[in-house]
PDB file of all heavy atoms in Angstrom:
ATOM      1  N   PRO A   1      13.699   3.766   1.733  1.00  0.00           N
ATOM      2  CA  PRO A   1      12.415   3.061   1.749  1.00  0.00           C
ATOM      3  C   PRO A   1      12.483   1.699   1.083  1.00  0.00           C
ATOM      4  O   PRO A   1      11.652   0.816   1.364  1.00  0.00           O
ATOM      5  CB  PRO A   1      11.468   3.992   1.004  1.00  0.00           C
ATOM      6  CG  PRO A   1      12.297   4.962   0.308  1.00  0.00           C
ATOM      7  CD  PRO A   1      13.627   5.012   0.986  1.00  0.00           C
ATOM      8  N   SER A   2      13.490   1.453   0.237  1.00  0.00           N
ATOM      9  CA  SER A   2      13.575   0.128  -0.387  1.00  0.00           C
ATOM     10  C   SER A   2      13.950  -0.975   0.601  1.00  0.00           C
ATOM     11  O   SER A   2      13.859  -2.137   0.283  1.00  0.00           O
ATOM     12  CB  SER A   2      14.586   0.159  -1.524  1.00  0.00           C
ATOM     13  OG  SER A   2      15.900   0.338  -1.032  1.00  0.00           O
ATOM     14  N   LEU A   3      14.306  -0.570   1.803  1.00  0.00           N
ATOM     15  CA  LEU A   3      14.664  -1.561   2.857  1.00  0.00           C
ATOM     16  C   LEU A   3      13.416  -2.101   3.559  1.00  0.00           C
ATOM     17  O   LEU A   3      13.497  -3.007   4.375  1.00  0.00           O
ATOM     18  CB  LEU A   3      15.602  -0.934   3.865  1.00  0.00           C
ATOM     19  CG  LEU A   3      16.953  -0.479   3.313  1.00  0.00           C
ATOM     20  CD1 LEU A   3      17.776   0.215   4.421  1.00  0.00           C
ATOM     21  CD2 LEU A   3      17.728  -1.634   2.728  1.00  0.00           C
ATOM     22  N   ILE A   4      12.227  -1.501   3.264  1.00  0.00           N
ATOM     23  CA  ILE A   4      10.986  -1.993   3.865  1.00  0.00           C
ATOM     24  C   ILE A   4      10.705  -3.379   3.304  1.00  0.00           C
ATOM     25  O   ILE A   4      10.648  -3.550   2.076  1.00  0.00           O
ATOM     26  CB  ILE A   4       9.830  -1.047   3.565  1.00  0.00           C
ATOM     27  CG1 ILE A   4      10.103   0.329   4.221  1.00  0.00           C
ATOM     28  CG2 ILE A   4       8.504  -1.611   4.088  1.00  0.00           C
ATOM     29  CD1 ILE A   4       9.097   1.412   3.842  1.00  0.00           C
ATOM     30  N   PRO A   5      10.506  -4.374   4.155  1.00  0.00           N
ATOM     31  CA  PRO A   5      10.250  -5.725   3.654  1.00  0.00           C
ATOM     32  C   PRO A   5       8.985  -5.782   2.744  1.00  0.00           C
ATOM     33  O   PRO A   5       7.978  -5.142   3.052  1.00  0.00           O
ATOM     34  CB  PRO A   5      10.009  -6.580   4.933  1.00  0.00           C
ATOM     35  CG  PRO A   5      10.622  -5.778   6.032  1.00  0.00           C
ATOM     36  CD  PRO A   5      10.543  -4.324   5.613  1.00  0.00           C
ATOM     37  N   ASN A   6       9.067  -6.491   1.676  1.00  0.00           N
ATOM     38  CA  ASN A   6       7.977  -6.748   0.727  1.00  0.00           C
ATOM     39  C   ASN A   6       7.449  -5.487   0.036  1.00  0.00           C
ATOM     40  O   ASN A   6       6.352  -5.498  -0.493  1.00  0.00           O
ATOM     41  CB  ASN A   6       6.832  -7.488   1.427  1.00  0.00           C
ATOM     42  CG  ASN A   6       7.271  -8.803   2.003  1.00  0.00           C
ATOM     43  OD1 ASN A   6       7.935  -9.587   1.337  1.00  0.00           O
ATOM     44  ND2 ASN A   6       6.922  -9.043   3.262  1.00  0.00           N
ATOM     45  N   LEU A   7       8.250  -4.428   0.011  1.00  0.00           N
ATOM     46  CA  LEU A   7       7.805  -3.207  -0.635  1.00  0.00           C
ATOM     47  C   LEU A   7       7.480  -3.394  -2.117  1.00  0.00           C
ATOM     48  O   LEU A   7       6.457  -2.900  -2.603  1.00  0.00           O
ATOM     49  CB  LEU A   7       8.783  -2.083  -0.397  1.00  0.00           C
ATOM     50  CG  LEU A   7       8.358  -0.736  -0.946  1.00  0.00           C
ATOM     51  CD1 LEU A   7       7.159  -0.199  -0.150  1.00  0.00           C
ATOM     52  CD2 LEU A   7       9.500   0.270  -0.891  1.00  0.00           C
ATOM     53  N   PRO A   8       8.352  -4.084  -2.879  1.00  0.00           N
ATOM     54  CA  PRO A   8       8.048  -4.253  -4.317  1.00  0.00           C
ATOM     55  C   PRO A   8       6.696  -4.981  -4.538  1.00  0.00           C
ATOM     56  O   PRO A   8       5.939  -4.590  -5.409  1.00  0.00           O
ATOM     57  CB  PRO A   8       9.200  -5.078  -4.847  1.00  0.00           C
ATOM     58  CG  PRO A   8      10.323  -4.830  -3.899  1.00  0.00           C
ATOM     59  CD  PRO A   8       9.662  -4.645  -2.563  1.00  0.00           C
ATOM     60  N   GLN A   9       6.422  -5.983  -3.708  1.00  0.00           N
ATOM     61  CA  GLN A   9       5.159  -6.735  -3.846  1.00  0.00           C
ATOM     62  C   GLN A   9       3.953  -5.833  -3.506  1.00  0.00           C
ATOM     63  O   GLN A   9       2.937  -5.872  -4.178  1.00  0.00           O
ATOM     64  CB  GLN A   9       5.147  -7.987  -2.943  1.00  0.00           C
ATOM     65  CG  GLN A   9       6.154  -9.018  -3.345  1.00  0.00           C
ATOM     66  CD  GLN A   9       7.512  -8.845  -2.629  1.00  0.00           C
ATOM     67  OE1 GLN A   9       7.893  -7.733  -2.222  1.00  0.00           O
ATOM     68  NE2 GLN A   9       8.248  -9.916  -2.536  1.00  0.00           N
ATOM     69  N   ALA A  10       4.112  -5.015  -2.458  1.00  0.00           N
ATOM     70  CA  ALA A  10       3.021  -4.121  -2.079  1.00  0.00           C
ATOM     71  C   ALA A  10       2.781  -3.078  -3.185  1.00  0.00           C
ATOM     72  O   ALA A  10       1.631  -2.768  -3.530  1.00  0.00           O
ATOM     73  CB  ALA A  10       3.373  -3.418  -0.762  1.00  0.00           C
ATOM     74  N   ALA A  11       3.847  -2.525  -3.736  1.00  0.00           N
ATOM     75  CA  ALA A  11       3.725  -1.524  -4.791  1.00  0.00           C
ATOM     76  C   ALA A  11       3.044  -2.128  -6.011  1.00  0.00           C
ATOM     77  O   ALA A  11       2.157  -1.479  -6.626  1.00  0.00           O
ATOM     78  CB  ALA A  11       5.105  -0.958  -5.169  1.00  0.00           C
ATOM     79  N   GLU A  12       3.406  -3.343  -6.370  1.00  0.00           N
ATOM     80  CA  GLU A  12       2.798  -4.017  -7.508  1.00  0.00           C
ATOM     81  C   GLU A  12       1.315  -4.260  -7.263  1.00  0.00           C
ATOM     82  O   GLU A  12       0.489  -4.073  -8.109  1.00  0.00           O
ATOM     83  CB  GLU A  12       3.520  -5.341  -7.797  1.00  0.00           C
ATOM     84  CG  GLU A  12       2.836  -6.202  -8.864  1.00  0.00           C
ATOM     85  CD  GLU A  12       2.551  -5.456 -10.186  1.00  0.00           C
ATOM     86  OE1 GLU A  12       3.381  -4.648 -10.600  1.00  0.00           O
ATOM     87  OE2 GLU A  12       1.506  -5.687 -10.792  1.00  0.00           O
ATOM     88  N   ARG A  13       0.975  -4.671  -6.049  1.00  0.00           N
ATOM     89  CA  ARG A  13      -0.438  -4.927  -5.730  1.00  0.00           C
ATOM     90  C   ARG A  13      -1.259  -3.654  -5.803  1.00  0.00           C
ATOM     91  O   ARG A  13      -2.376  -3.635  -6.317  1.00  0.00           O
ATOM     92  CB  ARG A  13      -0.542  -5.559  -4.330  1.00  0.00           C
ATOM     93  CG  ARG A  13      -1.960  -5.856  -3.904  1.00  0.00           C
ATOM     94  CD  ARG A  13      -2.636  -6.854  -4.847  1.00  0.00           C
ATOM     95  NE  ARG A  13      -4.030  -7.054  -4.562  1.00  0.00           N
ATOM     96  CZ  ARG A  13      -5.033  -6.471  -5.186  1.00  0.00           C
ATOM     97  NH1 ARG A  13      -4.801  -5.682  -6.216  1.00  0.00           N
ATOM     98  NH2 ARG A  13      -6.279  -6.729  -4.835  1.00  0.00           N
ATOM     99  N   ILE A  14      -0.736  -2.570  -5.303  1.00  0.00           N
ATOM    100  CA  ILE A  14      -1.434  -1.276  -5.373  1.00  0.00           C
ATOM    101  C   ILE A  14      -1.579  -0.855  -6.827  1.00  0.00           C
ATOM    102  O   ILE A  14      -2.643  -0.386  -7.242  1.00  0.00           O
ATOM    103  CB  ILE A  14      -0.703  -0.215  -4.514  1.00  0.00           C
ATOM    104  CG1 ILE A  14      -0.817  -0.572  -3.052  1.00  0.00           C
ATOM    105  CG2 ILE A  14      -1.269   1.204  -4.791  1.00  0.00           C
ATOM    106  CD1 ILE A  14       0.068   0.244  -2.125  1.00  0.00           C
ATOM    107  N   ALA A  15      -0.497  -0.979  -7.590  1.00  0.00           N
ATOM    108  CA  ALA A  15      -0.558  -0.602  -9.033  1.00  0.00           C
ATOM    109  C   ALA A  15      -1.631  -1.437  -9.753  1.00  0.00           C
ATOM    110  O   ALA A  15      -2.382  -0.915 -10.573  1.00  0.00           O
ATOM    111  CB  ALA A  15       0.796  -0.775  -9.659  1.00  0.00           C
ATOM    112  N   ARG A  16      -1.666  -2.745  -9.436  1.00  0.00           N
ATOM    113  CA  ARG A  16      -2.671  -3.613 -10.093  1.00  0.00           C
ATOM    114  C   ARG A  16      -4.086  -3.167  -9.701  1.00  0.00           C
ATOM    115  O   ARG A  16      -5.000  -3.150 -10.550  1.00  0.00           O
ATOM    116  CB  ARG A  16      -2.426  -5.086  -9.714  1.00  0.00           C
ATOM    117  CG  ARG A  16      -3.300  -6.014 -10.487  1.00  0.00           C
ATOM    118  CD  ARG A  16      -2.953  -7.468 -10.324  1.00  0.00           C
ATOM    119  NE  ARG A  16      -3.292  -7.908  -8.971  1.00  0.00           N
ATOM    120  CZ  ARG A  16      -2.443  -8.476  -8.111  1.00  0.00           C
ATOM    121  NH1 ARG A  16      -1.186  -8.698  -8.434  1.00  0.00           N
ATOM    122  NH2 ARG A  16      -2.862  -8.846  -6.934  1.00  0.00           N
ATOM    123  N   ALA A  17      -4.288  -2.840  -8.432  1.00  0.00           N
ATOM    124  CA  ALA A  17      -5.631  -2.374  -7.982  1.00  0.00           C
ATOM    125  C   ALA A  17      -6.028  -1.103  -8.722  1.00  0.00           C
ATOM    126  O   ALA A  17      -7.187  -0.957  -9.138  1.00  0.00           O
ATOM    127  CB  ALA A  17      -5.622  -2.162  -6.478  1.00  0.00           C
ATOM    128  N   ILE A  18      -5.087  -0.171  -8.873  1.00  0.00           N
ATOM    129  CA  ILE A  18      -5.379   1.063  -9.596  1.00  0.00           C
ATOM    130  C   ILE A  18      -5.702   0.754 -11.074  1.00  0.00           C
ATOM    131  O   ILE A  18      -6.716   1.231 -11.610  1.00  0.00           O
ATOM    132  CB  ILE A  18      -4.235   2.077  -9.470  1.00  0.00           C
ATOM    133  CG1 ILE A  18      -4.121   2.537  -7.997  1.00  0.00           C
ATOM    134  CG2 ILE A  18      -4.394   3.240 -10.419  1.00  0.00           C
ATOM    135  CD1 ILE A  18      -2.855   3.312  -7.709  1.00  0.00           C
ATOM    136  N   ARG A  19      -4.875  -0.070 -11.679  1.00  0.00           N
ATOM    137  CA  ARG A  19      -5.050  -0.435 -13.089  1.00  0.00           C
ATOM    138  C   ARG A  19      -6.418  -1.096 -13.318  1.00  0.00           C
ATOM    139  O   ARG A  19      -7.102  -0.813 -14.281  1.00  0.00           O
ATOM    140  CB  ARG A  19      -3.903  -1.347 -13.516  1.00  0.00           C
ATOM    141  CG  ARG A  19      -3.926  -1.693 -14.966  1.00  0.00           C
ATOM    142  CD  ARG A  19      -2.708  -2.580 -15.375  1.00  0.00           C
ATOM    143  NE  ARG A  19      -2.660  -3.796 -14.577  1.00  0.00           N
ATOM    144  CZ  ARG A  19      -1.664  -4.100 -13.727  1.00  0.00           C
ATOM    145  NH1 ARG A  19      -0.637  -3.275 -13.533  1.00  0.00           N
ATOM    146  NH2 ARG A  19      -1.677  -5.227 -13.042  1.00  0.00           N
ATOM    147  N   ASP A  20      -6.797  -1.985 -12.363  1.00  0.00           N
ATOM    148  CA  ASP A  20      -8.053  -2.761 -12.493  1.00  0.00           C
ATOM    149  C   ASP A  20      -9.258  -2.014 -11.871  1.00  0.00           C
ATOM    150  O   ASP A  20     -10.313  -2.594 -11.781  1.00  0.00           O
ATOM    151  CB  ASP A  20      -7.911  -4.142 -11.867  1.00  0.00           C
ATOM    152  CG  ASP A  20      -6.863  -4.998 -12.580  1.00  0.00           C
ATOM    153  OD1 ASP A  20      -6.470  -4.645 -13.714  1.00  0.00           O
ATOM    154  OD2 ASP A  20      -6.449  -6.014 -11.986  1.00  0.00           O
ATOM    155  N   ARG A  21      -9.030  -0.773 -11.452  1.00  0.00           N
ATOM    156  CA  ARG A  21     -10.091   0.058 -10.867  1.00  0.00           C
ATOM    157  C   ARG A  21     -10.740  -0.622  -9.648  1.00  0.00           C
ATOM    158  O   ARG A  21     -11.941  -0.566  -9.468  1.00  0.00           O
ATOM    159  CB  ARG A  21     -11.138   0.443 -11.887  1.00  0.00           C
ATOM    160  CG  ARG A  21     -10.587   1.319 -12.995  1.00  0.00           C
ATOM    161  CD  ARG A  21     -11.698   1.758 -13.918  1.00  0.00           C
ATOM    162  NE  ARG A  21     -11.260   2.766 -14.837  1.00  0.00           N
ATOM    163  CZ  ARG A  21     -11.228   4.078 -14.612  1.00  0.00           C
ATOM    164  NH1 ARG A  21     -11.603   4.541 -13.470  1.00  0.00           N
ATOM    165  NH2 ARG A  21     -10.802   4.922 -15.521  1.00  0.00           N
ATOM    166  N   GLN A  22      -9.930  -1.298  -8.840  1.00  0.00           N
ATOM    167  CA  GLN A  22     -10.420  -1.910  -7.605  1.00  0.00           C
ATOM    168  C   GLN A  22     -10.415  -0.899  -6.498  1.00  0.00           C
ATOM    169  O   GLN A  22      -9.636   0.086  -6.514  1.00  0.00           O
ATOM    170  CB  GLN A  22      -9.543  -3.101  -7.231  1.00  0.00           C
ATOM    171  CG  GLN A  22      -9.542  -4.227  -8.220  1.00  0.00           C
ATOM    172  CD  GLN A  22      -8.551  -5.329  -7.838  1.00  0.00           C
ATOM    173  OE1 GLN A  22      -7.528  -5.051  -7.214  1.00  0.00           O
ATOM    174  NE2 GLN A  22      -8.847  -6.530  -8.277  1.00  0.00           N
ATOM    175  N   LYS A  23     -11.297  -1.088  -5.512  1.00  0.00           N
ATOM    176  CA  LYS A  23     -11.276  -0.210  -4.363  1.00  0.00           C
ATOM    177  C   LYS A  23     -10.075  -0.567  -3.482  1.00  0.00           C
ATOM    178  O   LYS A  23      -9.690  -1.719  -3.380  1.00  0.00           O
ATOM    179  CB  LYS A  23     -12.570  -0.378  -3.572  1.00  0.00           C
ATOM    180  CG  LYS A  23     -13.782   0.165  -4.302  1.00  0.00           C
ATOM    181  CD  LYS A  23     -15.016   0.071  -3.449  1.00  0.00           C
ATOM    182  CE  LYS A  23     -16.201   0.663  -4.211  1.00  0.00           C
ATOM    183  NZ  LYS A  23     -17.425   0.617  -3.421  1.00  0.00           N
ATOM    184  N   ILE A  24      -9.548   0.469  -2.850  1.00  0.00           N
ATOM    185  CA  ILE A  24      -8.388   0.288  -1.961  1.00  0.00           C
ATOM    186  C   ILE A  24      -8.791   0.834  -0.584  1.00  0.00           C
ATOM    187  O   ILE A  24      -9.293   1.966  -0.491  1.00  0.00           O
ATOM    188  CB  ILE A  24      -7.162   1.017  -2.479  1.00  0.00           C
ATOM    189  CG1 ILE A  24      -6.734   0.476  -3.844  1.00  0.00           C
ATOM    190  CG2 ILE A  24      -6.019   0.942  -1.460  1.00  0.00           C
ATOM    191  CD1 ILE A  24      -5.622   1.266  -4.487  1.00  0.00           C
ATOM    192  N   VAL A  25      -8.583   0.054   0.448  1.00  0.00           N
ATOM    193  CA  VAL A  25      -8.843   0.479   1.814  1.00  0.00           C
ATOM    194  C   VAL A  25      -7.496   0.670   2.500  1.00  0.00           C
ATOM    195  O   VAL A  25      -6.598  -0.159   2.368  1.00  0.00           O
ATOM    196  CB  VAL A  25      -9.680  -0.562   2.577  1.00  0.00           C
ATOM    197  CG1 VAL A  25      -9.857  -0.137   4.035  1.00  0.00           C
ATOM    198  CG2 VAL A  25     -11.021  -0.776   1.906  1.00  0.00           C
ATOM    199  N   ILE A  26      -7.366   1.775   3.220  1.00  0.00           N
ATOM    200  CA  ILE A  26      -6.137   2.058   3.924  1.00  0.00           C
ATOM    201  C   ILE A  26      -6.420   2.113   5.413  1.00  0.00           C
ATOM    202  O   ILE A  26      -7.287   2.860   5.872  1.00  0.00           O
ATOM    203  CB  ILE A  26      -5.542   3.366   3.458  1.00  0.00           C
ATOM    204  CG1 ILE A  26      -5.212   3.250   1.962  1.00  0.00           C
ATOM    205  CG2 ILE A  26      -4.285   3.745   4.255  1.00  0.00           C
ATOM    206  CD1 ILE A  26      -4.766   4.524   1.312  1.00  0.00           C
ATOM    207  N   TYR A  27      -5.693   1.290   6.173  1.00  0.00           N
ATOM    208  CA  TYR A  27      -5.810   1.290   7.618  1.00  0.00           C
ATOM    209  C   TYR A  27      -4.574   1.946   8.214  1.00  0.00           C
ATOM    210  O   TYR A  27      -3.489   1.833   7.656  1.00  0.00           O
ATOM    211  CB  TYR A  27      -5.876  -0.167   8.141  1.00  0.00           C
ATOM    212  CG  TYR A  27      -7.122  -0.881   7.773  1.00  0.00           C
ATOM    213  CD1 TYR A  27      -7.175  -1.693   6.635  1.00  0.00           C
ATOM    214  CD2 TYR A  27      -8.266  -0.772   8.572  1.00  0.00           C
ATOM    215  CE1 TYR A  27      -8.344  -2.337   6.268  1.00  0.00           C
ATOM    216  CE2 TYR A  27      -9.418  -1.453   8.221  1.00  0.00           C
ATOM    217  CZ  TYR A  27      -9.462  -2.235   7.081  1.00  0.00           C
ATOM    218  OH  TYR A  27     -10.606  -2.882   6.737  1.00  0.00           O
ATOM    219  N   GLY A  28      -4.745   2.656   9.307  1.00  0.00           N
ATOM    220  CA  GLY A  28      -3.584   3.297   9.947  1.00  0.00           C
ATOM    221  C   GLY A  28      -3.774   3.388  11.439  1.00  0.00           C
ATOM    222  O   GLY A  28      -4.892   3.244  11.989  1.00  0.00           O
ATOM    223  N   ASP A  29      -2.675   3.587  12.114  1.00  0.00           N
ATOM    224  CA  ASP A  29      -2.699   3.757  13.573  1.00  0.00           C
ATOM    225  C   ASP A  29      -3.357   5.076  13.925  1.00  0.00           C
ATOM    226  O   ASP A  29      -3.312   6.047  13.168  1.00  0.00           O
ATOM    227  CB  ASP A  29      -1.282   3.785  14.133  1.00  0.00           C
ATOM    228  CG  ASP A  29      -0.643   2.422  14.167  1.00  0.00           C
ATOM    229  OD1 ASP A  29      -1.373   1.437  14.161  1.00  0.00           O
ATOM    230  OD2 ASP A  29       0.597   2.370  14.192  1.00  0.00           O
ATOM    231  N   TYR A  30      -3.955   5.106  15.100  1.00  0.00           N
ATOM    232  CA  TYR A  30      -4.624   6.311  15.588  1.00  0.00           C
ATOM    233  C   TYR A  30      -3.665   7.049  16.507  1.00  0.00           C
ATOM    234  O   TYR A  30      -3.894   7.228  17.684  1.00  0.00           O
ATOM    235  CB  TYR A  30      -5.935   5.957  16.310  1.00  0.00           C
ATOM    236  CG  TYR A  30      -6.804   7.148  16.514  1.00  0.00           C
ATOM    237  CD1 TYR A  30      -7.466   7.761  15.461  1.00  0.00           C
ATOM    238  CD2 TYR A  30      -6.966   7.673  17.781  1.00  0.00           C
ATOM    239  CE1 TYR A  30      -8.280   8.842  15.660  1.00  0.00           C
ATOM    240  CE2 TYR A  30      -7.810   8.790  18.011  1.00  0.00           C
ATOM    241  CZ  TYR A  30      -8.422   9.370  16.916  1.00  0.00           C
ATOM    242  OH  TYR A  30      -9.214  10.473  17.133  1.00  0.00           O
ATOM    243  N   ASP A  31      -2.492   7.455  15.946  1.00  0.00           N
ATOM    244  CA  ASP A  31      -1.578   8.305  16.662  1.00  0.00           C
ATOM    245  C   ASP A  31      -1.064   9.334  15.657  1.00  0.00           C
ATOM    246  O   ASP A  31      -1.499   9.364  14.506  1.00  0.00           O
ATOM    247  CB  ASP A  31      -0.435   7.482  17.301  1.00  0.00           C
ATOM    248  CG  ASP A  31       0.338   6.641  16.297  1.00  0.00           C
ATOM    249  OD1 ASP A  31       0.190   6.860  15.073  1.00  0.00           O
ATOM    250  OD2 ASP A  31       1.085   5.760  16.728  1.00  0.00           O
ATOM    251  N   VAL A  32      -0.196  10.209  16.086  1.00  0.00           N
ATOM    252  CA  VAL A  32       0.219  11.330  15.257  1.00  0.00           C
ATOM    253  C   VAL A  32       0.770  10.867  13.920  1.00  0.00           C
ATOM    254  O   VAL A  32       0.348  11.327  12.876  1.00  0.00           O
ATOM    255  CB  VAL A  32       1.232  12.221  15.999  1.00  0.00           C
ATOM    256  CG1 VAL A  32       1.764  13.301  15.085  1.00  0.00           C
ATOM    257  CG2 VAL A  32       0.601  12.863  17.201  1.00  0.00           C
ATOM    258  N   ASP A  33       1.763   9.968  13.934  1.00  0.00           N
ATOM    259  CA  ASP A  33       2.345   9.583  12.650  1.00  0.00           C
ATOM    260  C   ASP A  33       1.447   8.673  11.867  1.00  0.00           C
ATOM    261  O   ASP A  33       1.433   8.694  10.645  1.00  0.00           O
ATOM    262  CB  ASP A  33       3.728   8.956  12.855  1.00  0.00           C
ATOM    263  CG  ASP A  33       3.720   7.731  13.769  1.00  0.00           C
ATOM    264  OD1 ASP A  33       2.852   7.640  14.613  1.00  0.00           O
ATOM    265  OD2 ASP A  33       4.605   6.853  13.597  1.00  0.00           O
ATOM    266  N   GLY A  34       0.597   7.868  12.565  1.00  0.00           N
ATOM    267  CA  GLY A  34      -0.324   6.982  11.864  1.00  0.00           C
ATOM    268  C   GLY A  34      -1.412   7.772  11.135  1.00  0.00           C
ATOM    269  O   GLY A  34      -1.755   7.508   9.981  1.00  0.00           O
TER     270      GLY A  34
END
């Protein structure tokens, strides 16, 4: 999974949102794996 582009930046942003008690919205594909 570390080969996913920009993963460290995304993880940091999610951690900051959790730390700052911000709302997080998750979008996904409407298929089986999504």
